[in-house]
Amino acid sequence: GLAEAQYGLALMCLFGKGVPQNHAEAVQWYRMAADQGLAKAQYDLANIYYFGEGVSQNYAEAAKWYRKAADQVYASAQSVSKNPLPGLERGSRPGDGLGGA
């Protein structure tokens, strides 16, 4: 589908495969795929915000995308919700399963 193609373009831009490497453009493609509900794109976008790759580091945005992927039973995101990465407590809301109290 369209989201899978957008995800593929995001990977190409992120790693410079067949196109010049461009993290900002990769983020745009990831967001398009993630907005359509593609769990692996949501998880990757969360990682991008968590680590600040091509965007300003933003724990709240990372927590939002991890949560969306976890809600779709995406295993890697569920692991993060059970064992939050450092800093996600600051970006998540209480009781959301991502490090809130």
PDB file of N, CA and C in Angstrom:
ATOM      1  N   GLY A   1       0.807  -1.179   0.000  1.00  0.00           N
ATOM      2  CA  GLY A   1       0.000   0.000   0.000  1.00  0.00           C
ATOM      3  C   GLY A   1       0.857   1.252   0.000  1.00  0.00           C
ATOM      4  N   LEU A   2       0.189   2.360   0.044  1.00  0.00           N
ATOM      5  CA  LEU A   2       0.852   3.653   0.012  1.00  0.00           C
ATOM      6  C   LEU A   2       1.753   3.861   1.226  1.00  0.00           C
ATOM      7  N   ALA A   3       1.292   3.478   2.396  1.00  0.00           N
ATOM      8  CA  ALA A   3       2.096   3.655   3.612  1.00  0.00           C
ATOM      9  C   ALA A   3       3.384   2.839   3.535  1.00  0.00           C
ATOM     10  N   GLU A   4       3.311   1.632   2.994  1.00  0.00           N
ATOM     11  CA  GLU A   4       4.510   0.796   2.845  1.00  0.00           C
ATOM     12  C   GLU A   4       5.507   1.455   1.893  1.00  0.00           C
ATOM     13  N   ALA A   5       5.004   2.048   0.802  1.00  0.00           N
ATOM     14  CA  ALA A   5       5.880   2.733  -0.154  1.00  0.00           C
ATOM     15  C   ALA A   5       6.530   3.951   0.499  1.00  0.00           C
ATOM     16  N   GLN A   6       5.758   4.688   1.280  1.00  0.00           N
ATOM     17  CA  GLN A   6       6.299   5.854   1.981  1.00  0.00           C
ATOM     18  C   GLN A   6       7.364   5.421   2.985  1.00  0.00           C
ATOM     19  N   TYR A   7       7.107   4.313   3.650  1.00  0.00           N
ATOM     20  CA  TYR A   7       8.087   3.777   4.598  1.00  0.00           C
ATOM     21  C   TYR A   7       9.374   3.403   3.864  1.00  0.00           C
ATOM     22  N   GLY A   8       9.244   2.791   2.713  1.00  0.00           N
ATOM     23  CA  GLY A   8      10.410   2.436   1.919  1.00  0.00           C
ATOM     24  C   GLY A   8      11.208   3.661   1.501  1.00  0.00           C
ATOM     25  N   LEU A   9      10.518   4.724   1.110  1.00  0.00           N
ATOM     26  CA  LEU A   9      11.191   5.973   0.754  1.00  0.00           C
ATOM     27  C   LEU A   9      11.897   6.581   1.967  1.00  0.00           C
ATOM     28  N   ALA A  10      11.266   6.472   3.120  1.00  0.00           N
ATOM     29  CA  ALA A  10      11.880   6.992   4.349  1.00  0.00           C
ATOM     30  C   ALA A  10      13.205   6.281   4.609  1.00  0.00           C
ATOM     31  N   LEU A  11      13.200   4.968   4.484  1.00  0.00           N
ATOM     32  CA  LEU A  11      14.431   4.198   4.698  1.00  0.00           C
ATOM     33  C   LEU A  11      15.502   4.589   3.692  1.00  0.00           C
ATOM     34  N   MET A  12      15.101   4.761   2.435  1.00  0.00           N
ATOM     35  CA  MET A  12      16.061   5.155   1.406  1.00  0.00           C
ATOM     36  C   MET A  12      16.701   6.496   1.749  1.00  0.00           C
ATOM     37  N   CYS A  13      15.872   7.447   2.169  1.00  0.00           N
ATOM     38  CA  CYS A  13      16.385   8.782   2.514  1.00  0.00           C
ATOM     39  C   CYS A  13      17.255   8.730   3.768  1.00  0.00           C
ATOM     40  N   LEU A  14      16.847   7.949   4.740  1.00  0.00           N
ATOM     41  CA  LEU A  14      17.591   7.865   5.989  1.00  0.00           C
ATOM     42  C   LEU A  14      18.994   7.290   5.771  1.00  0.00           C
ATOM     43  N   PHE A  15      19.079   6.264   4.944  1.00  0.00           N
ATOM     44  CA  PHE A  15      20.357   5.564   4.754  1.00  0.00           C
ATOM     45  C   PHE A  15      21.074   5.936   3.463  1.00  0.00           C
ATOM     46  N   GLY A  16      20.449   6.797   2.624  1.00  0.00           N
ATOM     47  CA  GLY A  16      21.087   7.199   1.376  1.00  0.00           C
ATOM     48  C   GLY A  16      21.187   6.075   0.365  1.00  0.00           C
ATOM     49  N   LYS A  17      20.179   5.239   0.299  1.00  0.00           N
ATOM     50  CA  LYS A  17      20.160   4.116  -0.653  1.00  0.00           C
ATOM     51  C   LYS A  17      19.424   4.540  -1.924  1.00  0.00           C
ATOM     52  N   GLY A  18      20.176   4.802  -2.979  1.00  0.00           N
ATOM     53  CA  GLY A  18      19.579   5.188  -4.254  1.00  0.00           C
ATOM     54  C   GLY A  18      19.224   6.652  -4.360  1.00  0.00           C
ATOM     55  N   VAL A  19      19.312   7.351  -3.254  1.00  0.00           N
ATOM     56  CA  VAL A  19      19.039   8.792  -3.201  1.00  0.00           C
ATOM     57  C   VAL A  19      20.051   9.411  -2.244  1.00  0.00           C
ATOM     58  N   PRO A  20      20.281  10.722  -2.347  1.00  0.00           N
ATOM     59  CA  PRO A  20      21.171  11.350  -1.362  1.00  0.00           C
ATOM     60  C   PRO A  20      20.594  11.205   0.046  1.00  0.00           C
ATOM     61  N   GLN A  21      21.460  10.934   1.019  1.00  0.00           N
ATOM     62  CA  GLN A  21      21.008  10.813   2.408  1.00  0.00           C
ATOM     63  C   GLN A  21      20.440  12.148   2.874  1.00  0.00           C
ATOM     64  N   ASN A  22      19.244  12.102   3.449  1.00  0.00           N
ATOM     65  CA  ASN A  22      18.568  13.321   3.876  1.00  0.00           C
ATOM     66  C   ASN A  22      17.633  12.964   5.037  1.00  0.00           C
ATOM     67  N   HIS A  23      18.093  13.220   6.252  1.00  0.00           N
ATOM     68  CA  HIS A  23      17.300  12.851   7.438  1.00  0.00           C
ATOM     69  C   HIS A  23      15.996  13.636   7.521  1.00  0.00           C
ATOM     70  N   ALA A  24      16.020  14.901   7.153  1.00  0.00           N
ATOM     71  CA  ALA A  24      14.797  15.710   7.235  1.00  0.00           C
ATOM     72  C   ALA A  24      13.730  15.163   6.284  1.00  0.00           C
ATOM     73  N   GLU A  25      14.148  14.776   5.086  1.00  0.00           N
ATOM     74  CA  GLU A  25      13.184  14.207   4.135  1.00  0.00           C
ATOM     75  C   GLU A  25      12.708  12.837   4.617  1.00  0.00           C
ATOM     76  N   ALA A  26      13.596  12.075   5.223  1.00  0.00           N
ATOM     77  CA  ALA A  26      13.208  10.779   5.772  1.00  0.00           C
ATOM     78  C   ALA A  26      12.109  10.953   6.822  1.00  0.00           C
ATOM     79  N   VAL A  27      12.266  11.955   7.667  1.00  0.00           N
ATOM     80  CA  VAL A  27      11.263  12.216   8.701  1.00  0.00           C
ATOM     81  C   VAL A  27       9.907  12.517   8.069  1.00  0.00           C
ATOM     82  N   GLN A  28       9.892  13.270   6.981  1.00  0.00           N
ATOM     83  CA  GLN A  28       8.625  13.578   6.302  1.00  0.00           C
ATOM     84  C   GLN A  28       7.948  12.304   5.802  1.00  0.00           C
ATOM     85  N   TRP A  29       8.729  11.410   5.192  1.00  0.00           N
ATOM     86  CA  TRP A  29       8.158  10.156   4.688  1.00  0.00           C
ATOM     87  C   TRP A  29       7.710   9.255   5.839  1.00  0.00           C
ATOM     88  N   TYR A  30       8.508   9.184   6.900  1.00  0.00           N
ATOM     89  CA  TYR A  30       8.105   8.390   8.069  1.00  0.00           C
ATOM     90  C   TYR A  30       6.783   8.915   8.628  1.00  0.00           C
ATOM     91  N   ARG A  31       6.664  10.228   8.735  1.00  0.00           N
ATOM     92  CA  ARG A  31       5.444  10.806   9.311  1.00  0.00           C
ATOM     93  C   ARG A  31       4.232  10.482   8.447  1.00  0.00           C
ATOM     94  N   MET A  32       4.388  10.556   7.128  1.00  0.00           N
ATOM     95  CA  MET A  32       3.251  10.231   6.251  1.00  0.00           C
ATOM     96  C   MET A  32       2.802   8.786   6.460  1.00  0.00           C
ATOM     97  N   ALA A  33       3.763   7.871   6.525  1.00  0.00           N
ATOM     98  CA  ALA A  33       3.425   6.461   6.732  1.00  0.00           C
ATOM     99  C   ALA A  33       2.856   6.247   8.136  1.00  0.00           C
ATOM    100  N   ALA A  34       3.445   6.901   9.124  1.00  0.00           N
ATOM    101  CA  ALA A  34       2.985   6.755  10.512  1.00  0.00           C
ATOM    102  C   ALA A  34       1.579   7.315  10.684  1.00  0.00           C
ATOM    103  N   ASP A  35       1.293   8.435  10.044  1.00  0.00           N
ATOM    104  CA  ASP A  35      -0.046   9.034  10.138  1.00  0.00           C
ATOM    105  C   ASP A  35      -1.115   8.117   9.552  1.00  0.00           C
ATOM    106  N   GLN A  36      -0.711   7.233   8.655  1.00  0.00           N
ATOM    107  CA  GLN A  36      -1.656   6.276   8.072  1.00  0.00           C
ATOM    108  C   GLN A  36      -1.766   5.007   8.913  1.00  0.00           C
ATOM    109  N   GLY A  37      -1.029   4.964  10.028  1.00  0.00           N
ATOM    110  CA  GLY A  37      -1.168   3.856  10.962  1.00  0.00           C
ATOM    111  C   GLY A  37      -0.185   2.719  10.775  1.00  0.00           C
ATOM    112  N   LEU A  38       0.878   2.912  10.012  1.00  0.00           N
ATOM    113  CA  LEU A  38       1.865   1.853   9.828  1.00  0.00           C
ATOM    114  C   LEU A  38       2.735   1.770  11.084  1.00  0.00           C
ATOM    115  N   ALA A  39       2.581   0.683  11.833  1.00  0.00           N
ATOM    116  CA  ALA A  39       3.216   0.564  13.149  1.00  0.00           C
ATOM    117  C   ALA A  39       4.734   0.675  13.083  1.00  0.00           C
ATOM    118  N   LYS A  40       5.366   0.039  12.093  1.00  0.00           N
ATOM    119  CA  LYS A  40       6.832   0.105  12.036  1.00  0.00           C
ATOM    120  C   LYS A  40       7.307   1.518  11.729  1.00  0.00           C
ATOM    121  N   ALA A  41       6.526   2.283  10.994  1.00  0.00           N
ATOM    122  CA  ALA A  41       6.869   3.685  10.744  1.00  0.00           C
ATOM    123  C   ALA A  41       6.685   4.501  12.020  1.00  0.00           C
ATOM    124  N   GLN A  42       5.651   4.207  12.782  1.00  0.00           N
ATOM    125  CA  GLN A  42       5.428   4.896  14.050  1.00  0.00           C
ATOM    126  C   GLN A  42       6.585   4.622  15.003  1.00  0.00           C
ATOM    127  N   TYR A  43       7.035   3.381  15.054  1.00  0.00           N
ATOM    128  CA  TYR A  43       8.139   3.010  15.927  1.00  0.00           C
ATOM    129  C   TYR A  43       9.439   3.694  15.488  1.00  0.00           C
ATOM    130  N   ASP A  44       9.716   3.666  14.203  1.00  0.00           N
ATOM    131  CA  ASP A  44      10.934   4.314  13.700  1.00  0.00           C
ATOM    132  C   ASP A  44      10.891   5.818  13.933  1.00  0.00           C
ATOM    133  N   LEU A  45       9.724   6.420  13.736  1.00  0.00           N
ATOM    134  CA  LEU A  45       9.581   7.854  13.974  1.00  0.00           C
ATOM    135  C   LEU A  45       9.809   8.175  15.450  1.00  0.00           C
ATOM    136  N   ALA A  46       9.318   7.309  16.325  1.00  0.00           N
ATOM    137  CA  ALA A  46       9.565   7.477  17.762  1.00  0.00           C
ATOM    138  C   ALA A  46      11.060   7.473  18.047  1.00  0.00           C
ATOM    139  N   ASN A  47      11.769   6.525  17.435  1.00  0.00           N
ATOM    140  CA  ASN A  47      13.228   6.462  17.625  1.00  0.00           C
ATOM    141  C   ASN A  47      13.911   7.721  17.117  1.00  0.00           C
ATOM    142  N   ILE A  48      13.455   8.227  15.996  1.00  0.00           N
ATOM    143  CA  ILE A  48      14.037   9.451  15.430  1.00  0.00           C
ATOM    144  C   ILE A  48      13.880  10.612  16.410  1.00  0.00           C
ATOM    145  N   TYR A  49      12.690  10.750  16.980  1.00  0.00           N
ATOM    146  CA  TYR A  49      12.481  11.828  17.954  1.00  0.00           C
ATOM    147  C   TYR A  49      13.235  11.568  19.252  1.00  0.00           C
ATOM    148  N   TYR A  50      13.306  10.304  19.655  1.00  0.00           N
ATOM    149  CA  TYR A  50      14.013   9.992  20.892  1.00  0.00           C
ATOM    150  C   TYR A  50      15.496  10.341  20.775  1.00  0.00           C
ATOM    151  N   PHE A  51      16.109   9.963  19.657  1.00  0.00           N
ATOM    152  CA  PHE A  51      17.547  10.182  19.477  1.00  0.00           C
ATOM    153  C   PHE A  51      17.878  11.513  18.802  1.00  0.00           C
ATOM    154  N   GLY A  52      16.868  12.219  18.278  1.00  0.00           N
ATOM    155  CA  GLY A  52      17.101  13.512  17.640  1.00  0.00           C
ATOM    156  C   GLY A  52      17.826  13.395  16.302  1.00  0.00           C
ATOM    157  N   GLU A  53      17.404  12.470  15.469  1.00  0.00           N
ATOM    158  CA  GLU A  53      18.015  12.264  14.156  1.00  0.00           C
ATOM    159  C   GLU A  53      17.232  13.036  13.092  1.00  0.00           C
ATOM    160  N   GLY A  54      17.770  14.164  12.652  1.00  0.00           N
ATOM    161  CA  GLY A  54      17.097  14.954  11.628  1.00  0.00           C
ATOM    162  C   GLY A  54      16.005  15.848  12.173  1.00  0.00           C
ATOM    163  N   VAL A  55      15.779  15.767  13.473  1.00  0.00           N
ATOM    164  CA  VAL A  55      14.795  16.607  14.169  1.00  0.00           C
ATOM    165  C   VAL A  55      15.392  16.972  15.520  1.00  0.00           C
ATOM    166  N   SER A  56      14.803  17.933  16.173  1.00  0.00           N
ATOM    167  CA  SER A  56      15.210  18.226  17.548  1.00  0.00           C
ATOM    168  C   SER A  56      14.752  17.076  18.431  1.00  0.00           C
ATOM    169  N   GLN A  57      15.597  16.672  19.369  1.00  0.00           N
ATOM    170  CA  GLN A  57      15.227  15.604  20.286  1.00  0.00           C
ATOM    171  C   GLN A  57      13.981  16.027  21.043  1.00  0.00           C
ATOM    172  N   ASN A  58      12.979  15.130  21.088  1.00  0.00           N
ATOM    173  CA  ASN A  58      11.698  15.472  21.689  1.00  0.00           C
ATOM    174  C   ASN A  58      11.118  14.206  22.314  1.00  0.00           C
ATOM    175  N   TYR A  59      11.270  14.100  23.639  1.00  0.00           N
ATOM    176  CA  TYR A  59      10.797  12.904  24.329  1.00  0.00           C
ATOM    177  C   TYR A  59       9.273  12.780  24.298  1.00  0.00           C
ATOM    178  N   ALA A  60       8.566  13.900  24.352  1.00  0.00           N
ATOM    179  CA  ALA A  60       7.100  13.843  24.314  1.00  0.00           C
ATOM    180  C   ALA A  60       6.626  13.290  22.979  1.00  0.00           C
ATOM    181  N   GLU A  61       7.232  13.749  21.901  1.00  0.00           N
ATOM    182  CA  GLU A  61       6.863  13.256  20.568  1.00  0.00           C
ATOM    183  C   GLU A  61       7.251  11.787  20.432  1.00  0.00           C
ATOM    184  N   ALA A  62       8.409  11.418  20.957  1.00  0.00           N
ATOM    185  CA  ALA A  62       8.833  10.015  20.925  1.00  0.00           C
ATOM    186  C   ALA A  62       7.827   9.144  21.672  1.00  0.00           C
ATOM    187  N   ALA A  63       7.440   9.567  22.860  1.00  0.00           N
ATOM    188  CA  ALA A  63       6.487   8.793  23.659  1.00  0.00           C
ATOM    189  C   ALA A  63       5.168   8.631  22.925  1.00  0.00           C
ATOM    190  N   LYS A  64       4.710   9.682  22.246  1.00  0.00           N
ATOM    191  CA  LYS A  64       3.453   9.619  21.486  1.00  0.00           C
ATOM    192  C   LYS A  64       3.521   8.534  20.414  1.00  0.00           C
ATOM    193  N   TRP A  65       4.614   8.502  19.661  1.00  0.00           N
ATOM    194  CA  TRP A  65       4.725   7.536  18.563  1.00  0.00           C
ATOM    195  C   TRP A  65       4.988   6.126  19.087  1.00  0.00           C
ATOM    196  N   TYR A  66       5.755   5.982  20.168  1.00  0.00           N
ATOM    197  CA  TYR A  66       5.920   4.661  20.771  1.00  0.00           C
ATOM    198  C   TYR A  66       4.565   4.125  21.210  1.00  0.00           C
ATOM    199  N   ARG A  67       3.760   4.984  21.816  1.00  0.00           N
ATOM    200  CA  ARG A  67       2.437   4.592  22.306  1.00  0.00           C
ATOM    201  C   ARG A  67       1.553   4.126  21.147  1.00  0.00           C
ATOM    202  N   LYS A  68       1.563   4.882  20.046  1.00  0.00           N
ATOM    203  CA  LYS A  68       0.730   4.508  18.895  1.00  0.00           C
ATOM    204  C   LYS A  68       1.145   3.148  18.335  1.00  0.00           C
ATOM    205  N   ALA A  69       2.452   2.916  18.237  1.00  0.00           N
ATOM    206  CA  ALA A  69       2.927   1.630  17.730  1.00  0.00           C
ATOM    207  C   ALA A  69       2.597   0.510  18.712  1.00  0.00           C
ATOM    208  N   ALA A  70       2.760   0.768  20.004  1.00  0.00           N
ATOM    209  CA  ALA A  70       2.450  -0.245  21.019  1.00  0.00           C
ATOM    210  C   ALA A  70       0.967  -0.591  21.011  1.00  0.00           C
ATOM    211  N   ASP A  71       0.116   0.401  20.772  1.00  0.00           N
ATOM    212  CA  ASP A  71      -1.329   0.169  20.713  1.00  0.00           C
ATOM    213  C   ASP A  71      -1.695  -0.788  19.579  1.00  0.00           C
ATOM    214  N   GLN A  72      -0.819  -0.883  18.584  1.00  0.00           N
ATOM    215  CA  GLN A  72      -1.061  -1.800  17.466  1.00  0.00           C
ATOM    216  C   GLN A  72      -0.357  -3.140  17.671  1.00  0.00           C
ATOM    217  N   VAL A  73       0.112  -3.371  18.884  1.00  0.00           N
ATOM    218  CA  VAL A  73       0.769  -4.613  19.270  1.00  0.00           C
ATOM    219  C   VAL A  73       2.070  -4.808  18.479  1.00  0.00           C
ATOM    220  N   TYR A  74       2.781  -3.713  18.240  1.00  0.00           N
ATOM    221  CA  TYR A  74       4.093  -3.786  17.605  1.00  0.00           C
ATOM    222  C   TYR A  74       5.094  -4.129  18.704  1.00  0.00           C
ATOM    223  N   ALA A  75       5.704  -5.302  18.615  1.00  0.00           N
ATOM    224  CA  ALA A  75       6.480  -5.877  19.716  1.00  0.00           C
ATOM    225  C   ALA A  75       7.583  -4.962  20.234  1.00  0.00           C
ATOM    226  N   SER A  76       8.345  -4.343  19.348  1.00  0.00           N
ATOM    227  CA  SER A  76       9.441  -3.477  19.804  1.00  0.00           C
ATOM    228  C   SER A  76       8.915  -2.305  20.615  1.00  0.00           C
ATOM    229  N   ALA A  77       7.799  -1.737  20.191  1.00  0.00           N
ATOM    230  CA  ALA A  77       7.214  -0.606  20.912  1.00  0.00           C
ATOM    231  C   ALA A  77       6.633  -1.067  22.249  1.00  0.00           C
ATOM    232  N   GLN A  78       6.070  -2.261  22.281  1.00  0.00           N
ATOM    233  CA  GLN A  78       5.553  -2.777  23.541  1.00  0.00           C
ATOM    234  C   GLN A  78       6.680  -2.993  24.537  1.00  0.00           C
ATOM    235  N   SER A  79       7.829  -3.390  24.050  1.00  0.00           N
ATOM    236  CA  SER A  79       8.994  -3.550  24.912  1.00  0.00           C
ATOM    237  C   SER A  79       9.395  -2.217  25.528  1.00  0.00           C
ATOM    238  N   VAL A  80       9.352  -1.151  24.734  1.00  0.00           N
ATOM    239  CA  VAL A  80       9.677   0.185  25.244  1.00  0.00           C
ATOM    240  C   VAL A  80       8.647   0.614  26.283  1.00  0.00           C
ATOM    241  N   SER A  81       7.391   0.261  26.059  1.00  0.00           N
ATOM    242  CA  SER A  81       6.368   0.666  27.032  1.00  0.00           C
ATOM    243  C   SER A  81       6.526  -0.075  28.356  1.00  0.00           C
ATOM    244  N   LYS A  82       7.078  -1.297  28.303  1.00  0.00           N
ATOM    245  CA  LYS A  82       7.296  -2.056  29.535  1.00  0.00           C
ATOM    246  C   LYS A  82       8.592  -1.646  30.224  1.00  0.00           C
ATOM    247  N   ASN A  83       9.590  -1.250  29.445  1.00  0.00           N
ATOM    248  CA  ASN A  83      10.904  -0.857  29.957  1.00  0.00           C
ATOM    249  C   ASN A  83      11.305   0.466  29.310  1.00  0.00           C
ATOM    250  N   PRO A  84      10.761   1.583  29.787  1.00  0.00           N
ATOM    251  CA  PRO A  84      10.974   2.874  29.126  1.00  0.00           C
ATOM    252  C   PRO A  84      12.447   3.247  28.984  1.00  0.00           C
ATOM    253  N   LEU A  85      12.764   3.842  27.866  1.00  0.00           N
ATOM    254  CA  LEU A  85      14.091   4.383  27.648  1.00  0.00           C
ATOM    255  C   LEU A  85      14.291   5.589  28.552  1.00  0.00           C
ATOM    256  N   PRO A  86      15.520   5.872  28.952  1.00  0.00           N
ATOM    257  CA  PRO A  86      15.770   7.045  29.799  1.00  0.00           C
ATOM    258  C   PRO A  86      15.238   8.316  29.155  1.00  0.00           C
ATOM    259  N   GLY A  87      14.536   9.106  29.929  1.00  0.00           N
ATOM    260  CA  GLY A  87      14.015  10.378  29.442  1.00  0.00           C
ATOM    261  C   GLY A  87      12.553  10.329  29.056  1.00  0.00           C
ATOM    262  N   LEU A  88      12.036   9.153  28.745  1.00  0.00           N
ATOM    263  CA  LEU A  88      10.636   9.092  28.329  1.00  0.00           C
ATOM    264  C   LEU A  88       9.686   9.444  29.462  1.00  0.00           C
ATOM    265  N   GLU A  89      10.130   9.272  30.690  1.00  0.00           N
ATOM    266  CA  GLU A  89       9.276   9.651  31.809  1.00  0.00           C
ATOM    267  C   GLU A  89       8.903  11.125  31.719  1.00  0.00           C
ATOM    268  N   ARG A  90       9.872  11.937  31.256  1.00  0.00           N
ATOM    269  CA  ARG A  90       9.622  13.385  31.160  1.00  0.00           C
ATOM    270  C   ARG A  90       8.678  13.707  30.015  1.00  0.00           C
ATOM    271  N   GLY A  91       8.651  12.852  29.007  1.00  0.00           N
ATOM    272  CA  GLY A  91       7.840  13.151  27.839  1.00  0.00           C
ATOM    273  C   GLY A  91       6.512  12.453  27.817  1.00  0.00           C
ATOM    274  N   SER A  92       6.230  11.621  28.808  1.00  0.00           N
ATOM    275  CA  SER A  92       4.989  10.879  28.800  1.00  0.00           C
ATOM    276  C   SER A  92       4.072  11.344  29.918  1.00  0.00           C
ATOM    277  N   ARG A  93       2.830  10.939  29.808  1.00  0.00           N
ATOM    278  CA  ARG A  93       1.841  11.329  30.798  1.00  0.00           C
ATOM    279  C   ARG A  93       1.679  10.250  31.858  1.00  0.00           C
ATOM    280  N   PRO A  94       1.293  10.623  33.059  1.00  0.00           N
ATOM    281  CA  PRO A  94       1.091   9.617  34.098  1.00  0.00           C
ATOM    282  C   PRO A  94       0.094   8.549  33.654  1.00  0.00           C
ATOM    283  N   GLY A  95       0.445   7.300  33.936  1.00  0.00           N
ATOM    284  CA  GLY A  95      -0.462   6.191  33.668  1.00  0.00           C
ATOM    285  C   GLY A  95      -0.527   5.753  32.230  1.00  0.00           C
ATOM    286  N   ASP A  96       0.335   6.261  31.355  1.00  0.00           N
ATOM    287  CA  ASP A  96       0.228   5.882  29.948  1.00  0.00           C
ATOM    288  C   ASP A  96       1.053   4.650  29.607  1.00  0.00           C
ATOM    289  N   GLY A  97       1.751   4.069  30.584  1.00  0.00           N
ATOM    290  CA  GLY A  97       2.526   2.876  30.338  1.00  0.00           C
ATOM    291  C   GLY A  97       3.902   3.154  29.756  1.00  0.00           C
ATOM    292  N   LEU A  98       4.255   4.408  29.614  1.00  0.00           N
ATOM    293  CA  LEU A  98       5.562   4.750  29.050  1.00  0.00           C
ATOM    294  C   LEU A  98       6.400   5.492  30.075  1.00  0.00           C
ATOM    295  N   GLY A  99       6.393   5.008  31.287  1.00  0.00           N
ATOM    296  CA  GLY A  99       7.266   5.572  32.302  1.00  0.00           C
ATOM    297  C   GLY A  99       6.603   6.576  33.196  1.00  0.00           C
ATOM    298  N   GLY A 100       5.332   6.896  32.954  1.00  0.00           N
ATOM    299  CA  GLY A 100       4.636   7.825  33.844  1.00  0.00           C
ATOM    300  C   GLY A 100       4.304   7.139  35.148  1.00  0.00           C
ATOM    301  N   ALA A 101       4.073   7.922  36.181  1.00  0.00           N
ATOM    302  CA  ALA A 101       3.758   7.343  37.489  1.00  0.00           C
ATOM    303  C   ALA A 101       2.263   7.228  37.665  1.00  0.00           C
TER     304      ALA A 101
END
